[in-house]
Amino acid sequence: MENYKLVLPEHLNHYGFLFGGNLLKWIDEVSYIAVTLDYPGCNFVTVGMDKVEFRKSIRGGTILCFVNEKSRIGETSIEYTVNVYKDTIETGERIIVFSTHITFVCLDENGQKKLICGTEK
């Protein structure tokens, strides 16, 4: 699944670059959308991201592309690989700026782990 985000002035730090916390928030948001659409009827929460390493600086006006791909599924948890690219408006070139794995767990109405919808035995 692909999603896009435009980096606006309110997303920048005091040096004029994208504040890293905004990028992490967007990754969590677009990944939650992906897992929820992939498994309707399930309730997911984020467990964690495996790696946070900012590879390239990102300035205001940049268009970011978030690509989510399912990478591992367990009985109660699921992992997505998320690659974030910046698309260069002038050339159309796509450069990877961030990559991580994000894991979600499926919960019941009491907040307890439960089998992911559609994987029941």
PDB file of N, CA and C in Angstrom:
ATOM      1  N   MET A   1       0.844  -1.167   0.000  1.00  0.00           N
ATOM      2  CA  MET A   1       0.000   0.000   0.000  1.00  0.00           C
ATOM      3  C   MET A   1       0.894   1.237   0.000  1.00  0.00           C
ATOM      4  N   GLU A   2       0.534   2.211  -0.813  1.00  0.00           N
ATOM      5  CA  GLU A   2       1.276   3.468  -0.875  1.00  0.00           C
ATOM      6  C   GLU A   2       0.410   4.608  -0.353  1.00  0.00           C
ATOM      7  N   ASN A   3       1.039   5.504   0.409  1.00  0.00           N
ATOM      8  CA  ASN A   3       0.419   6.730   0.891  1.00  0.00           C
ATOM      9  C   ASN A   3       1.411   7.862   0.681  1.00  0.00           C
ATOM     10  N   TYR A   4       0.894   9.067   0.566  1.00  0.00           N
ATOM     11  CA  TYR A   4       1.742  10.236   0.344  1.00  0.00           C
ATOM     12  C   TYR A   4       1.474  11.304   1.382  1.00  0.00           C
ATOM     13  N   LYS A   5       2.501  12.099   1.650  1.00  0.00           N
ATOM     14  CA  LYS A   5       2.387  13.208   2.598  1.00  0.00           C
ATOM     15  C   LYS A   5       3.246  14.360   2.094  1.00  0.00           C
ATOM     16  N   LEU A   6       2.712  15.559   2.171  1.00  0.00           N
ATOM     17  CA  LEU A   6       3.450  16.769   1.827  1.00  0.00           C
ATOM     18  C   LEU A   6       4.005  17.366   3.109  1.00  0.00           C
ATOM     19  N   VAL A   7       5.307  17.633   3.135  1.00  0.00           N
ATOM     20  CA  VAL A   7       5.953  18.209   4.309  1.00  0.00           C
ATOM     21  C   VAL A   7       5.720  19.725   4.299  1.00  0.00           C
ATOM     22  N   LEU A   8       4.987  20.199   5.310  1.00  0.00           N
ATOM     23  CA  LEU A   8       4.603  21.601   5.430  1.00  0.00           C
ATOM     24  C   LEU A   8       5.423  22.303   6.519  1.00  0.00           C
ATOM     25  N   PRO A   9       5.389  23.634   6.569  1.00  0.00           N
ATOM     26  CA  PRO A   9       6.184  24.367   7.566  1.00  0.00           C
ATOM     27  C   PRO A   9       5.945  23.915   9.012  1.00  0.00           C
ATOM     28  N   GLU A  10       4.716  23.542   9.351  1.00  0.00           N
ATOM     29  CA  GLU A  10       4.442  23.118  10.734  1.00  0.00           C
ATOM     30  C   GLU A  10       5.065  21.765  11.082  1.00  0.00           C
ATOM     31  N   HIS A  11       5.623  21.065  10.099  1.00  0.00           N
ATOM     32  CA  HIS A  11       6.268  19.774  10.334  1.00  0.00           C
ATOM     33  C   HIS A  11       7.778  19.909  10.545  1.00  0.00           C
ATOM     34  N   LEU A  12       8.305  21.128  10.422  1.00  0.00           N
ATOM     35  CA  LEU A  12       9.750  21.354  10.440  1.00  0.00           C
ATOM     36  C   LEU A  12      10.268  21.690  11.837  1.00  0.00           C
ATOM     37  N   ASN A  13      11.544  21.342  12.066  1.00  0.00           N
ATOM     38  CA  ASN A  13      12.194  21.741  13.312  1.00  0.00           C
ATOM     39  C   ASN A  13      12.790  23.135  13.148  1.00  0.00           C
ATOM     40  N   HIS A  14      13.486  23.614  14.147  1.00  0.00           N
ATOM     41  CA  HIS A  14      14.019  24.972  14.115  1.00  0.00           C
ATOM     42  C   HIS A  14      15.178  25.147  13.130  1.00  0.00           C
ATOM     43  N   TYR A  15      15.673  24.054  12.535  1.00  0.00           N
ATOM     44  CA  TYR A  15      16.714  24.131  11.511  1.00  0.00           C
ATOM     45  C   TYR A  15      16.131  24.087  10.096  1.00  0.00           C
ATOM     46  N   GLY A  16      14.813  23.925   9.994  1.00  0.00           N
ATOM     47  CA  GLY A  16      14.167  23.889   8.689  1.00  0.00           C
ATOM     48  C   GLY A  16      14.055  22.508   8.066  1.00  0.00           C
ATOM     49  N   PHE A  17      14.316  21.470   8.857  1.00  0.00           N
ATOM     50  CA  PHE A  17      14.195  20.097   8.384  1.00  0.00           C
ATOM     51  C   PHE A  17      13.005  19.422   9.065  1.00  0.00           C
ATOM     52  N   LEU A  18      12.521  18.354   8.450  1.00  0.00           N
ATOM     53  CA  LEU A  18      11.412  17.600   9.022  1.00  0.00           C
ATOM     54  C   LEU A  18      11.768  17.119  10.420  1.00  0.00           C
ATOM     55  N   PHE A  19      10.883  17.380  11.372  1.00  0.00           N
ATOM     56  CA  PHE A  19      11.045  16.883  12.729  1.00  0.00           C
ATOM     57  C   PHE A  19      10.809  15.374  12.701  1.00  0.00           C
ATOM     58  N   GLY A  20      11.765  14.607  13.220  1.00  0.00           N
ATOM     59  CA  GLY A  20      11.709  13.146  13.155  1.00  0.00           C
ATOM     60  C   GLY A  20      10.466  12.546  13.771  1.00  0.00           C
ATOM     61  N   GLY A  21       9.952  13.188  14.818  1.00  0.00           N
ATOM     62  CA  GLY A  21       8.742  12.690  15.462  1.00  0.00           C
ATOM     63  C   GLY A  21       7.542  12.685  14.529  1.00  0.00           C
ATOM     64  N   ASN A  22       7.485  13.652  13.629  1.00  0.00           N
ATOM     65  CA  ASN A  22       6.387  13.679  12.652  1.00  0.00           C
ATOM     66  C   ASN A  22       6.485  12.493  11.705  1.00  0.00           C
ATOM     67  N   LEU A  23       7.704  12.181  11.262  1.00  0.00           N
ATOM     68  CA  LEU A  23       7.882  11.038  10.363  1.00  0.00           C
ATOM     69  C   LEU A  23       7.445   9.748  11.047  1.00  0.00           C
ATOM     70  N   LEU A  24       7.835   9.570  12.297  1.00  0.00           N
ATOM     71  CA  LEU A  24       7.447   8.354  13.024  1.00  0.00           C
ATOM     72  C   LEU A  24       5.932   8.278  13.207  1.00  0.00           C
ATOM     73  N   LYS A  25       5.310   9.405  13.480  1.00  0.00           N
ATOM     74  CA  LYS A  25       3.842   9.448  13.615  1.00  0.00           C
ATOM     75  C   LYS A  25       3.171   9.033  12.309  1.00  0.00           C
ATOM     76  N   TRP A  26       3.664   9.564  11.180  1.00  0.00           N
ATOM     77  CA  TRP A  26       3.073   9.233   9.885  1.00  0.00           C
ATOM     78  C   TRP A  26       3.252   7.757   9.556  1.00  0.00           C
ATOM     79  N   ILE A  27       4.413   7.202   9.883  1.00  0.00           N
ATOM     80  CA  ILE A  27       4.653   5.772   9.647  1.00  0.00           C
ATOM     81  C   ILE A  27       3.655   4.942  10.449  1.00  0.00           C
ATOM     82  N   ASP A  28       3.460   5.294  11.702  1.00  0.00           N
ATOM     83  CA  ASP A  28       2.505   4.578  12.547  1.00  0.00           C
ATOM     84  C   ASP A  28       1.101   4.687  11.971  1.00  0.00           C
ATOM     85  N   GLU A  29       0.737   5.872  11.531  1.00  0.00           N
ATOM     86  CA  GLU A  29      -0.609   6.109  11.000  1.00  0.00           C
ATOM     87  C   GLU A  29      -0.865   5.340   9.707  1.00  0.00           C
ATOM     88  N   VAL A  30       0.035   5.451   8.733  1.00  0.00           N
ATOM     89  CA  VAL A  30      -0.205   4.774   7.446  1.00  0.00           C
ATOM     90  C   VAL A  30      -0.108   3.257   7.592  1.00  0.00           C
ATOM     91  N   SER A  31       0.716   2.786   8.516  1.00  0.00           N
ATOM     92  CA  SER A  31       0.816   1.342   8.743  1.00  0.00           C
ATOM     93  C   SER A  31      -0.432   0.809   9.430  1.00  0.00           C
ATOM     94  N   TYR A  32      -0.977   1.594  10.365  1.00  0.00           N
ATOM     95  CA  TYR A  32      -2.232   1.209  11.010  1.00  0.00           C
ATOM     96  C   TYR A  32      -3.360   1.116   9.980  1.00  0.00           C
ATOM     97  N   ILE A  33      -3.402   2.056   9.061  1.00  0.00           N
ATOM     98  CA  ILE A  33      -4.408   2.012   7.999  1.00  0.00           C
ATOM     99  C   ILE A  33      -4.242   0.734   7.175  1.00  0.00           C
ATOM    100  N   ALA A  34      -3.001   0.403   6.824  1.00  0.00           N
ATOM    101  CA  ALA A  34      -2.743  -0.802   6.018  1.00  0.00           C
ATOM    102  C   ALA A  34      -3.208  -2.065   6.735  1.00  0.00           C
ATOM    103  N   VAL A  35      -2.828  -2.233   8.001  1.00  0.00           N
ATOM    104  CA  VAL A  35      -3.191  -3.460   8.720  1.00  0.00           C
ATOM    105  C   VAL A  35      -4.697  -3.529   8.954  1.00  0.00           C
ATOM    106  N   THR A  36      -5.334  -2.389   9.200  1.00  0.00           N
ATOM    107  CA  THR A  36      -6.774  -2.374   9.424  1.00  0.00           C
ATOM    108  C   THR A  36      -7.541  -2.719   8.151  1.00  0.00           C
ATOM    109  N   LEU A  37      -7.075  -2.238   7.005  1.00  0.00           N
ATOM    110  CA  LEU A  37      -7.714  -2.590   5.738  1.00  0.00           C
ATOM    111  C   LEU A  37      -7.442  -4.040   5.352  1.00  0.00           C
ATOM    112  N   ASP A  38      -6.251  -4.553   5.699  1.00  0.00           N
ATOM    113  CA  ASP A  38      -5.919  -5.949   5.398  1.00  0.00           C
ATOM    114  C   ASP A  38      -6.712  -6.933   6.257  1.00  0.00           C
ATOM    115  N   TYR A  39      -7.051  -6.535   7.486  1.00  0.00           N
ATOM    116  CA  TYR A  39      -7.740  -7.428   8.427  1.00  0.00           C
ATOM    117  C   TYR A  39      -8.937  -6.720   9.055  1.00  0.00           C
ATOM    118  N   PRO A  40     -10.007  -6.516   8.273  1.00  0.00           N
ATOM    119  CA  PRO A  40     -11.187  -5.833   8.817  1.00  0.00           C
ATOM    120  C   PRO A  40     -11.772  -6.611   9.988  1.00  0.00           C
ATOM    121  N   GLY A  41     -12.269  -5.873  10.951  1.00  0.00           N
ATOM    122  CA  GLY A  41     -12.876  -6.494  12.129  1.00  0.00           C
ATOM    123  C   GLY A  41     -11.906  -6.760  13.250  1.00  0.00           C
ATOM    124  N   CYS A  42     -10.616  -6.621  12.988  1.00  0.00           N
ATOM    125  CA  CYS A  42      -9.603  -6.796  14.037  1.00  0.00           C
ATOM    126  C   CYS A  42      -9.265  -5.441  14.643  1.00  0.00           C
ATOM    127  N   ASN A  43      -8.883  -5.460  15.911  1.00  0.00           N
ATOM    128  CA  ASN A  43      -8.414  -4.253  16.600  1.00  0.00           C
ATOM    129  C   ASN A  43      -6.919  -4.385  16.839  1.00  0.00           C
ATOM    130  N   PHE A  44      -6.140  -3.467  16.274  1.00  0.00           N
ATOM    131  CA  PHE A  44      -4.682  -3.526  16.381  1.00  0.00           C
ATOM    132  C   PHE A  44      -4.133  -2.343  17.157  1.00  0.00           C
ATOM    133  N   VAL A  45      -3.028  -2.598  17.863  1.00  0.00           N
ATOM    134  CA  VAL A  45      -2.235  -1.533  18.479  1.00  0.00           C
ATOM    135  C   VAL A  45      -0.779  -1.754  18.078  1.00  0.00           C
ATOM    136  N   THR A  46      -0.035  -0.669  18.042  1.00  0.00           N
ATOM    137  CA  THR A  46       1.380  -0.733  17.689  1.00  0.00           C
ATOM    138  C   THR A  46       2.185  -1.284  18.861  1.00  0.00           C
ATOM    139  N   VAL A  47       3.045  -2.264  18.566  1.00  0.00           N
ATOM    140  CA  VAL A  47       3.945  -2.807  19.578  1.00  0.00           C
ATOM    141  C   VAL A  47       5.285  -2.084  19.515  1.00  0.00           C
ATOM    142  N   GLY A  48       5.795  -1.858  18.313  1.00  0.00           N
ATOM    143  CA  GLY A  48       7.071  -1.166  18.200  1.00  0.00           C
ATOM    144  C   GLY A  48       7.593  -1.111  16.779  1.00  0.00           C
ATOM    145  N   MET A  49       8.657  -0.353  16.634  1.00  0.00           N
ATOM    146  CA  MET A  49       9.420  -0.275  15.386  1.00  0.00           C
ATOM    147  C   MET A  49      10.804  -0.812  15.686  1.00  0.00           C
ATOM    148  N   ASP A  50      11.378  -1.551  14.749  1.00  0.00           N
ATOM    149  CA  ASP A  50      12.655  -2.200  15.045  1.00  0.00           C
ATOM    150  C   ASP A  50      13.860  -1.283  14.930  1.00  0.00           C
ATOM    151  N   LYS A  51      13.768  -0.233  14.134  1.00  0.00           N
ATOM    152  CA  LYS A  51      14.948   0.590  13.895  1.00  0.00           C
ATOM    153  C   LYS A  51      14.507   2.007  13.562  1.00  0.00           C
ATOM    154  N   VAL A  52      15.177   2.964  14.174  1.00  0.00           N
ATOM    155  CA  VAL A  52      14.912   4.362  13.865  1.00  0.00           C
ATOM    156  C   VAL A  52      16.254   5.002  13.518  1.00  0.00           C
ATOM    157  N   GLU A  53      16.472   5.173  12.230  1.00  0.00           N
ATOM    158  CA  GLU A  53      17.704   5.779  11.737  1.00  0.00           C
ATOM    159  C   GLU A  53      17.350   6.683  10.566  1.00  0.00           C
ATOM    160  N   PHE A  54      17.536   7.972  10.756  1.00  0.00           N
ATOM    161  CA  PHE A  54      17.214   8.940   9.717  1.00  0.00           C
ATOM    162  C   PHE A  54      18.396   9.035   8.755  1.00  0.00           C
ATOM    163  N   ARG A  55      18.183   8.624   7.490  1.00  0.00           N
ATOM    164  CA  ARG A  55      19.262   8.529   6.503  1.00  0.00           C
ATOM    165  C   ARG A  55      19.520   9.819   5.749  1.00  0.00           C
ATOM    166  N   LYS A  56      18.479  10.559   5.470  1.00  0.00           N
ATOM    167  CA  LYS A  56      18.574  11.766   4.647  1.00  0.00           C
ATOM    168  C   LYS A  56      17.759  12.877   5.283  1.00  0.00           C
ATOM    169  N   SER A  57      18.192  14.101   5.076  1.00  0.00           N
ATOM    170  CA  SER A  57      17.416  15.230   5.563  1.00  0.00           C
ATOM    171  C   SER A  57      16.228  15.467   4.630  1.00  0.00           C
ATOM    172  N   ILE A  58      15.182  16.027   5.201  1.00  0.00           N
ATOM    173  CA  ILE A  58      13.959  16.266   4.445  1.00  0.00           C
ATOM    174  C   ILE A  58      13.529  17.709   4.704  1.00  0.00           C
ATOM    175  N   ARG A  59      13.426  18.477   3.658  1.00  0.00           N
ATOM    176  CA  ARG A  59      13.043  19.890   3.764  1.00  0.00           C
ATOM    177  C   ARG A  59      11.545  20.063   3.509  1.00  0.00           C
ATOM    178  N   GLY A  60      11.041  21.243   3.886  1.00  0.00           N
ATOM    179  CA  GLY A  60       9.663  21.580   3.616  1.00  0.00           C
ATOM    180  C   GLY A  60       9.383  21.548   2.123  1.00  0.00           C
ATOM    181  N   GLY A  61       8.169  21.179   1.761  1.00  0.00           N
ATOM    182  CA  GLY A  61       7.780  21.093   0.361  1.00  0.00           C
ATOM    183  C   GLY A  61       8.052  19.743  -0.266  1.00  0.00           C
ATOM    184  N   THR A  62       8.727  18.868   0.465  1.00  0.00           N
ATOM    185  CA  THR A  62       9.036  17.529  -0.043  1.00  0.00           C
ATOM    186  C   THR A  62       7.782  16.665  -0.023  1.00  0.00           C
ATOM    187  N   ILE A  63       7.613  15.862  -1.065  1.00  0.00           N
ATOM    188  CA  ILE A  63       6.538  14.875  -1.102  1.00  0.00           C
ATOM    189  C   ILE A  63       7.138  13.543  -0.674  1.00  0.00           C
ATOM    190  N   LEU A  64       6.574  12.965   0.369  1.00  0.00           N
ATOM    191  CA  LEU A  64       7.036  11.669   0.868  1.00  0.00           C
ATOM    192  C   LEU A  64       6.072  10.578   0.436  1.00  0.00           C
ATOM    193  N   CYS A  65       6.628   9.435   0.061  1.00  0.00           N
ATOM    194  CA  CYS A  65       5.839   8.260  -0.295  1.00  0.00           C
ATOM    195  C   CYS A  65       6.132   7.165   0.721  1.00  0.00           C
ATOM    196  N   PHE A  66       5.086   6.650   1.347  1.00  0.00           N
ATOM    197  CA  PHE A  66       5.193   5.585   2.340  1.00  0.00           C
ATOM    198  C   PHE A  66       4.724   4.285   1.696  1.00  0.00           C
ATOM    199  N   VAL A  67       5.600   3.288   1.661  1.00  0.00           N
ATOM    200  CA  VAL A  67       5.263   1.997   1.064  1.00  0.00           C
ATOM    201  C   VAL A  67       5.265   0.948   2.173  1.00  0.00           C
ATOM    202  N   ASN A  68       4.088   0.350   2.417  1.00  0.00           N
ATOM    203  CA  ASN A  68       3.911  -0.685   3.439  1.00  0.00           C
ATOM    204  C   ASN A  68       3.742  -2.039   2.777  1.00  0.00           C
ATOM    205  N   GLU A  69       4.517  -3.008   3.245  1.00  0.00           N
ATOM    206  CA  GLU A  69       4.380  -4.387   2.757  1.00  0.00           C
ATOM    207  C   GLU A  69       4.389  -5.333   3.943  1.00  0.00           C
ATOM    208  N   LYS A  70       3.437  -6.250   3.949  1.00  0.00           N
ATOM    209  CA  LYS A  70       3.374  -7.259   4.996  1.00  0.00           C
ATOM    210  C   LYS A  70       4.640  -8.106   4.926  1.00  0.00           C
ATOM    211  N   SER A  71       5.324  -8.274   6.064  1.00  0.00           N
ATOM    212  CA  SER A  71       6.567  -9.045   6.047  1.00  0.00           C
ATOM    213  C   SER A  71       6.529 -10.283   6.939  1.00  0.00           C
ATOM    214  N   ARG A  72       5.671 -10.301   7.954  1.00  0.00           N
ATOM    215  CA  ARG A  72       5.576 -11.479   8.813  1.00  0.00           C
ATOM    216  C   ARG A  72       4.224 -11.466   9.501  1.00  0.00           C
ATOM    217  N   ILE A  73       3.617 -12.632   9.584  1.00  0.00           N
ATOM    218  CA  ILE A  73       2.348 -12.729  10.308  1.00  0.00           C
ATOM    219  C   ILE A  73       2.429 -13.899  11.277  1.00  0.00           C
ATOM    220  N   GLY A  74       2.041 -13.624  12.518  1.00  0.00           N
ATOM    221  CA  GLY A  74       1.981 -14.652  13.545  1.00  0.00           C
ATOM    222  C   GLY A  74       0.524 -14.908  13.892  1.00  0.00           C
ATOM    223  N   GLU A  75       0.303 -15.541  15.027  1.00  0.00           N
ATOM    224  CA  GLU A  75      -1.073 -15.813  15.439  1.00  0.00           C
ATOM    225  C   GLU A  75      -1.774 -14.565  15.972  1.00  0.00           C
ATOM    226  N   THR A  76      -1.028 -13.736  16.717  1.00  0.00           N
ATOM    227  CA  THR A  76      -1.634 -12.543  17.323  1.00  0.00           C
ATOM    228  C   THR A  76      -0.954 -11.244  16.879  1.00  0.00           C
ATOM    229  N   SER A  77       0.144 -11.342  16.153  1.00  0.00           N
ATOM    230  CA  SER A  77       0.861 -10.136  15.743  1.00  0.00           C
ATOM    231  C   SER A  77       1.213 -10.192  14.263  1.00  0.00           C
ATOM    232  N   ILE A  78       1.477  -9.013  13.724  1.00  0.00           N
ATOM    233  CA  ILE A  78       1.806  -8.889  12.312  1.00  0.00           C
ATOM    234  C   ILE A  78       2.837  -7.783  12.146  1.00  0.00           C
ATOM    235  N   GLU A  79       3.760  -7.990  11.214  1.00  0.00           N
ATOM    236  CA  GLU A  79       4.820  -7.021  10.971  1.00  0.00           C
ATOM    237  C   GLU A  79       4.753  -6.535   9.531  1.00  0.00           C
ATOM    238  N   TYR A  80       4.958  -5.240   9.367  1.00  0.00           N
ATOM    239  CA  TYR A  80       5.031  -4.617   8.047  1.00  0.00           C
ATOM    240  C   TYR A  80       6.408  -3.990   7.872  1.00  0.00           C
ATOM    241  N   THR A  81       6.935  -4.081   6.662  1.00  0.00           N
ATOM    242  CA  THR A  81       8.123  -3.331   6.297  1.00  0.00           C
ATOM    243  C   THR A  81       7.644  -2.017   5.716  1.00  0.00           C
ATOM    244  N   VAL A  82       8.216  -0.920   6.202  1.00  0.00           N
ATOM    245  CA  VAL A  82       7.833   0.402   5.727  1.00  0.00           C
ATOM    246  C   VAL A  82       9.067   1.083   5.150  1.00  0.00           C
ATOM    247  N   ASN A  83       8.992   1.450   3.884  1.00  0.00           N
ATOM    248  CA  ASN A  83      10.036   2.242   3.245  1.00  0.00           C
ATOM    249  C   ASN A  83       9.447   3.606   2.928  1.00  0.00           C
ATOM    250  N   VAL A  84      10.213   4.640   3.258  1.00  0.00           N
ATOM    251  CA  VAL A  84       9.783   6.006   3.000  1.00  0.00           C
ATOM    252  C   VAL A  84      10.717   6.598   1.957  1.00  0.00           C
ATOM    253  N   TYR A  85      10.121   7.149   0.910  1.00  0.00           N
ATOM    254  CA  TYR A  85      10.878   7.745  -0.189  1.00  0.00           C
ATOM    255  C   TYR A  85      10.530   9.214  -0.304  1.00  0.00           C
ATOM    256  N   LYS A  86      11.507  10.006  -0.756  1.00  0.00           N
ATOM    257  CA  LYS A  86      11.167  11.376  -1.125  1.00  0.00           C
ATOM    258  C   LYS A  86      11.208  11.433  -2.642  1.00  0.00           C
ATOM    259  N   ASP A  87      10.162  12.001  -3.189  1.00  0.00           N
ATOM    260  CA  ASP A  87      10.039  12.145  -4.635  1.00  0.00           C
ATOM    261  C   ASP A  87      10.521  13.536  -5.019  1.00  0.00           C
ATOM    262  N   THR A  88      11.488  13.578  -5.913  1.00  0.00           N
ATOM    263  CA  THR A  88      12.020  14.850  -6.380  1.00  0.00           C
ATOM    264  C   THR A  88      11.100  15.384  -7.463  1.00  0.00           C
ATOM    265  N   ILE A  89      10.512  16.532  -7.202  1.00  0.00           N
ATOM    266  CA  ILE A  89       9.529  17.108  -8.115  1.00  0.00           C
ATOM    267  C   ILE A  89      10.153  17.448  -9.470  1.00  0.00           C
ATOM    268  N   GLU A  90      11.371  17.969  -9.453  1.00  0.00           N
ATOM    269  CA  GLU A  90      12.025  18.406 -10.695  1.00  0.00           C
ATOM    270  C   GLU A  90      12.361  17.245 -11.634  1.00  0.00           C
ATOM    271  N   THR A  91      12.811  16.115 -11.075  1.00  0.00           N
ATOM    272  CA  THR A  91      13.299  15.014 -11.909  1.00  0.00           C
ATOM    273  C   THR A  91      12.434  13.761 -11.844  1.00  0.00           C
ATOM    274  N   GLY A  92      11.572  13.660 -10.836  1.00  0.00           N
ATOM    275  CA  GLY A  92      10.782  12.445 -10.655  1.00  0.00           C
ATOM    276  C   GLY A  92      11.560  11.344  -9.972  1.00  0.00           C
ATOM    277  N   GLU A  93      12.805  11.622  -9.599  1.00  0.00           N
ATOM    278  CA  GLU A  93      13.639  10.622  -8.932  1.00  0.00           C
ATOM    279  C   GLU A  93      13.077  10.307  -7.550  1.00  0.00           C
ATOM    280  N   ARG A  94      13.135   9.039  -7.172  1.00  0.00           N
ATOM    281  CA  ARG A  94      12.651   8.581  -5.871  1.00  0.00           C
ATOM    282  C   ARG A  94      13.849   8.082  -5.066  1.00  0.00           C
ATOM    283  N   ILE A  95      14.041   8.687  -3.878  1.00  0.00           N
ATOM    284  CA  ILE A  95      15.187   8.360  -3.020  1.00  0.00           C
ATOM    285  C   ILE A  95      14.667   7.853  -1.687  1.00  0.00           C
ATOM    286  N   ILE A  96      15.193   6.703  -1.225  1.00  0.00           N
ATOM    287  CA  ILE A  96      14.772   6.180   0.077  1.00  0.00           C
ATOM    288  C   ILE A  96      15.391   7.036   1.174  1.00  0.00           C
ATOM    289  N   VAL A  97      14.554   7.432   2.144  1.00  0.00           N
ATOM    290  CA  VAL A  97      15.033   8.270   3.243  1.00  0.00           C
ATOM    291  C   VAL A  97      14.879   7.593   4.605  1.00  0.00           C
ATOM    292  N   PHE A  98      14.078   6.526   4.670  1.00  0.00           N
ATOM    293  CA  PHE A  98      13.844   5.866   5.954  1.00  0.00           C
ATOM    294  C   PHE A  98      13.268   4.482   5.698  1.00  0.00           C
ATOM    295  N   SER A  99      13.637   3.540   6.557  1.00  0.00           N
ATOM    296  CA  SER A  99      13.106   2.182   6.458  1.00  0.00           C
ATOM    297  C   SER A  99      13.012   1.596   7.863  1.00  0.00           C
ATOM    298  N   THR A 100      11.947   0.863   8.121  1.00  0.00           N
ATOM    299  CA  THR A 100      11.781   0.217   9.418  1.00  0.00           C
ATOM    300  C   THR A 100      10.806  -0.946   9.285  1.00  0.00           C
ATOM    301  N   HIS A 101      10.704  -1.734  10.344  1.00  0.00           N
ATOM    302  CA  HIS A 101       9.666  -2.747  10.475  1.00  0.00           C
ATOM    303  C   HIS A 101       8.804  -2.322  11.654  1.00  0.00           C
ATOM    304  N   ILE A 102       7.495  -2.347  11.455  1.00  0.00           N
ATOM    305  CA  ILE A 102       6.559  -1.978  12.514  1.00  0.00           C
ATOM    306  C   ILE A 102       5.690  -3.191  12.819  1.00  0.00           C
ATOM    307  N   THR A 103       5.492  -3.440  14.111  1.00  0.00           N
ATOM    308  CA  THR A 103       4.732  -4.618  14.543  1.00  0.00           C
ATOM    309  C   THR A 103       3.472  -4.182  15.274  1.00  0.00           C
ATOM    310  N   PHE A 104       2.373  -4.847  14.929  1.00  0.00           N
ATOM    311  CA  PHE A 104       1.080  -4.627  15.564  1.00  0.00           C
ATOM    312  C   PHE A 104       0.634  -5.911  16.236  1.00  0.00           C
ATOM    313  N   VAL A 105      -0.132  -5.781  17.310  1.00  0.00           N
ATOM    314  CA  VAL A 105      -0.744  -6.935  17.959  1.00  0.00           C
ATOM    315  C   VAL A 105      -2.258  -6.749  17.905  1.00  0.00           C
ATOM    316  N   CYS A 106      -2.957  -7.865  17.748  1.00  0.00           N
ATOM    317  CA  CYS A 106      -4.414  -7.877  17.694  1.00  0.00           C
ATOM    318  C   CYS A 106      -4.948  -8.063  19.115  1.00  0.00           C
ATOM    319  N   LEU A 107      -5.890  -7.184  19.493  1.00  0.00           N
ATOM    320  CA  LEU A 107      -6.451  -7.233  20.845  1.00  0.00           C
ATOM    321  C   LEU A 107      -7.955  -7.442  20.815  1.00  0.00           C
ATOM    322  N   ASP A 108      -8.457  -8.073  21.883  1.00  0.00           N
ATOM    323  CA  ASP A 108      -9.907  -8.197  22.030  1.00  0.00           C
ATOM    324  C   ASP A 108     -10.446  -6.957  22.740  1.00  0.00           C
ATOM    325  N   GLU A 109     -11.743  -6.950  23.037  1.00  0.00           N
ATOM    326  CA  GLU A 109     -12.379  -5.775  23.649  1.00  0.00           C
ATOM    327  C   GLU A 109     -11.889  -5.497  25.066  1.00  0.00           C
ATOM    328  N   ASN A 110     -11.184  -6.466  25.695  1.00  0.00           N
ATOM    329  CA  ASN A 110     -10.638  -6.282  27.040  1.00  0.00           C
ATOM    330  C   ASN A 110      -9.155  -5.941  27.029  1.00  0.00           C
ATOM    331  N   GLY A 111      -8.606  -5.740  25.835  1.00  0.00           N
ATOM    332  CA  GLY A 111      -7.192  -5.393  25.732  1.00  0.00           C
ATOM    333  C   GLY A 111      -6.254  -6.582  25.818  1.00  0.00           C
ATOM    334  N   GLN A 112      -6.798  -7.786  25.650  1.00  0.00           N
ATOM    335  CA  GLN A 112      -5.986  -8.999  25.681  1.00  0.00           C
ATOM    336  C   GLN A 112      -5.670  -9.448  24.255  1.00  0.00           C
ATOM    337  N   LYS A 113      -4.488 -10.049  24.084  1.00  0.00           N
ATOM    338  CA  LYS A 113      -4.125 -10.556  22.756  1.00  0.00           C
ATOM    339  C   LYS A 113      -5.161 -11.568  22.279  1.00  0.00           C
ATOM    340  N   LYS A 114      -5.425 -11.521  20.979  1.00  0.00           N
ATOM    341  CA  LYS A 114      -6.325 -12.522  20.406  1.00  0.00           C
ATOM    342  C   LYS A 114      -5.815 -12.883  19.009  1.00  0.00           C
ATOM    343  N   LEU A 115      -6.308 -13.985  18.480  1.00  0.00           N
ATOM    344  CA  LEU A 115      -5.920 -14.411  17.146  1.00  0.00           C
ATOM    345  C   LEU A 115      -6.341 -13.363  16.113  1.00  0.00           C
ATOM    346  N   ILE A 116      -5.482 -13.169  15.140  1.00  0.00           N
ATOM    347  CA  ILE A 116      -5.789 -12.221  14.074  1.00  0.00           C
ATOM    348  C   ILE A 116      -6.965 -12.754  13.276  1.00  0.00           C
ATOM    349  N   CYS A 117      -7.915 -11.875  12.970  1.00  0.00           N
ATOM    350  CA  CYS A 117      -9.112 -12.250  12.204  1.00  0.00           C
ATOM    351  C   CYS A 117      -8.714 -12.970  10.918  1.00  0.00           C
ATOM    352  N   GLY A 118      -9.358 -14.074  10.659  1.00  0.00           N
ATOM    353  CA  GLY A 118      -9.071 -14.821   9.435  1.00  0.00           C
ATOM    354  C   GLY A 118      -7.954 -15.845   9.596  1.00  0.00           C
ATOM    355  N   THR A 119      -7.300 -15.877  10.788  1.00  0.00           N
ATOM    356  CA  THR A 119      -6.234 -16.855  10.994  1.00  0.00           C
ATOM    357  C   THR A 119      -6.639 -17.891  12.039  1.00  0.00           C
ATOM    358  N   GLU A 120      -7.909 -17.834  12.497  1.00  0.00           N
ATOM    359  CA  GLU A 120      -8.361 -18.770  13.505  1.00  0.00           C
ATOM    360  C   GLU A 120      -8.235 -20.195  12.980  1.00  0.00           C
ATOM    361  N   LYS A 121      -7.903 -21.068  13.876  1.00  0.00           N
ATOM    362  CA  LYS A 121      -7.710 -22.473  13.500  1.00  0.00           C
ATOM    363  C   LYS A 121      -8.983 -23.247  13.731  1.00  0.00           C
TER     364      LYS A 121
END
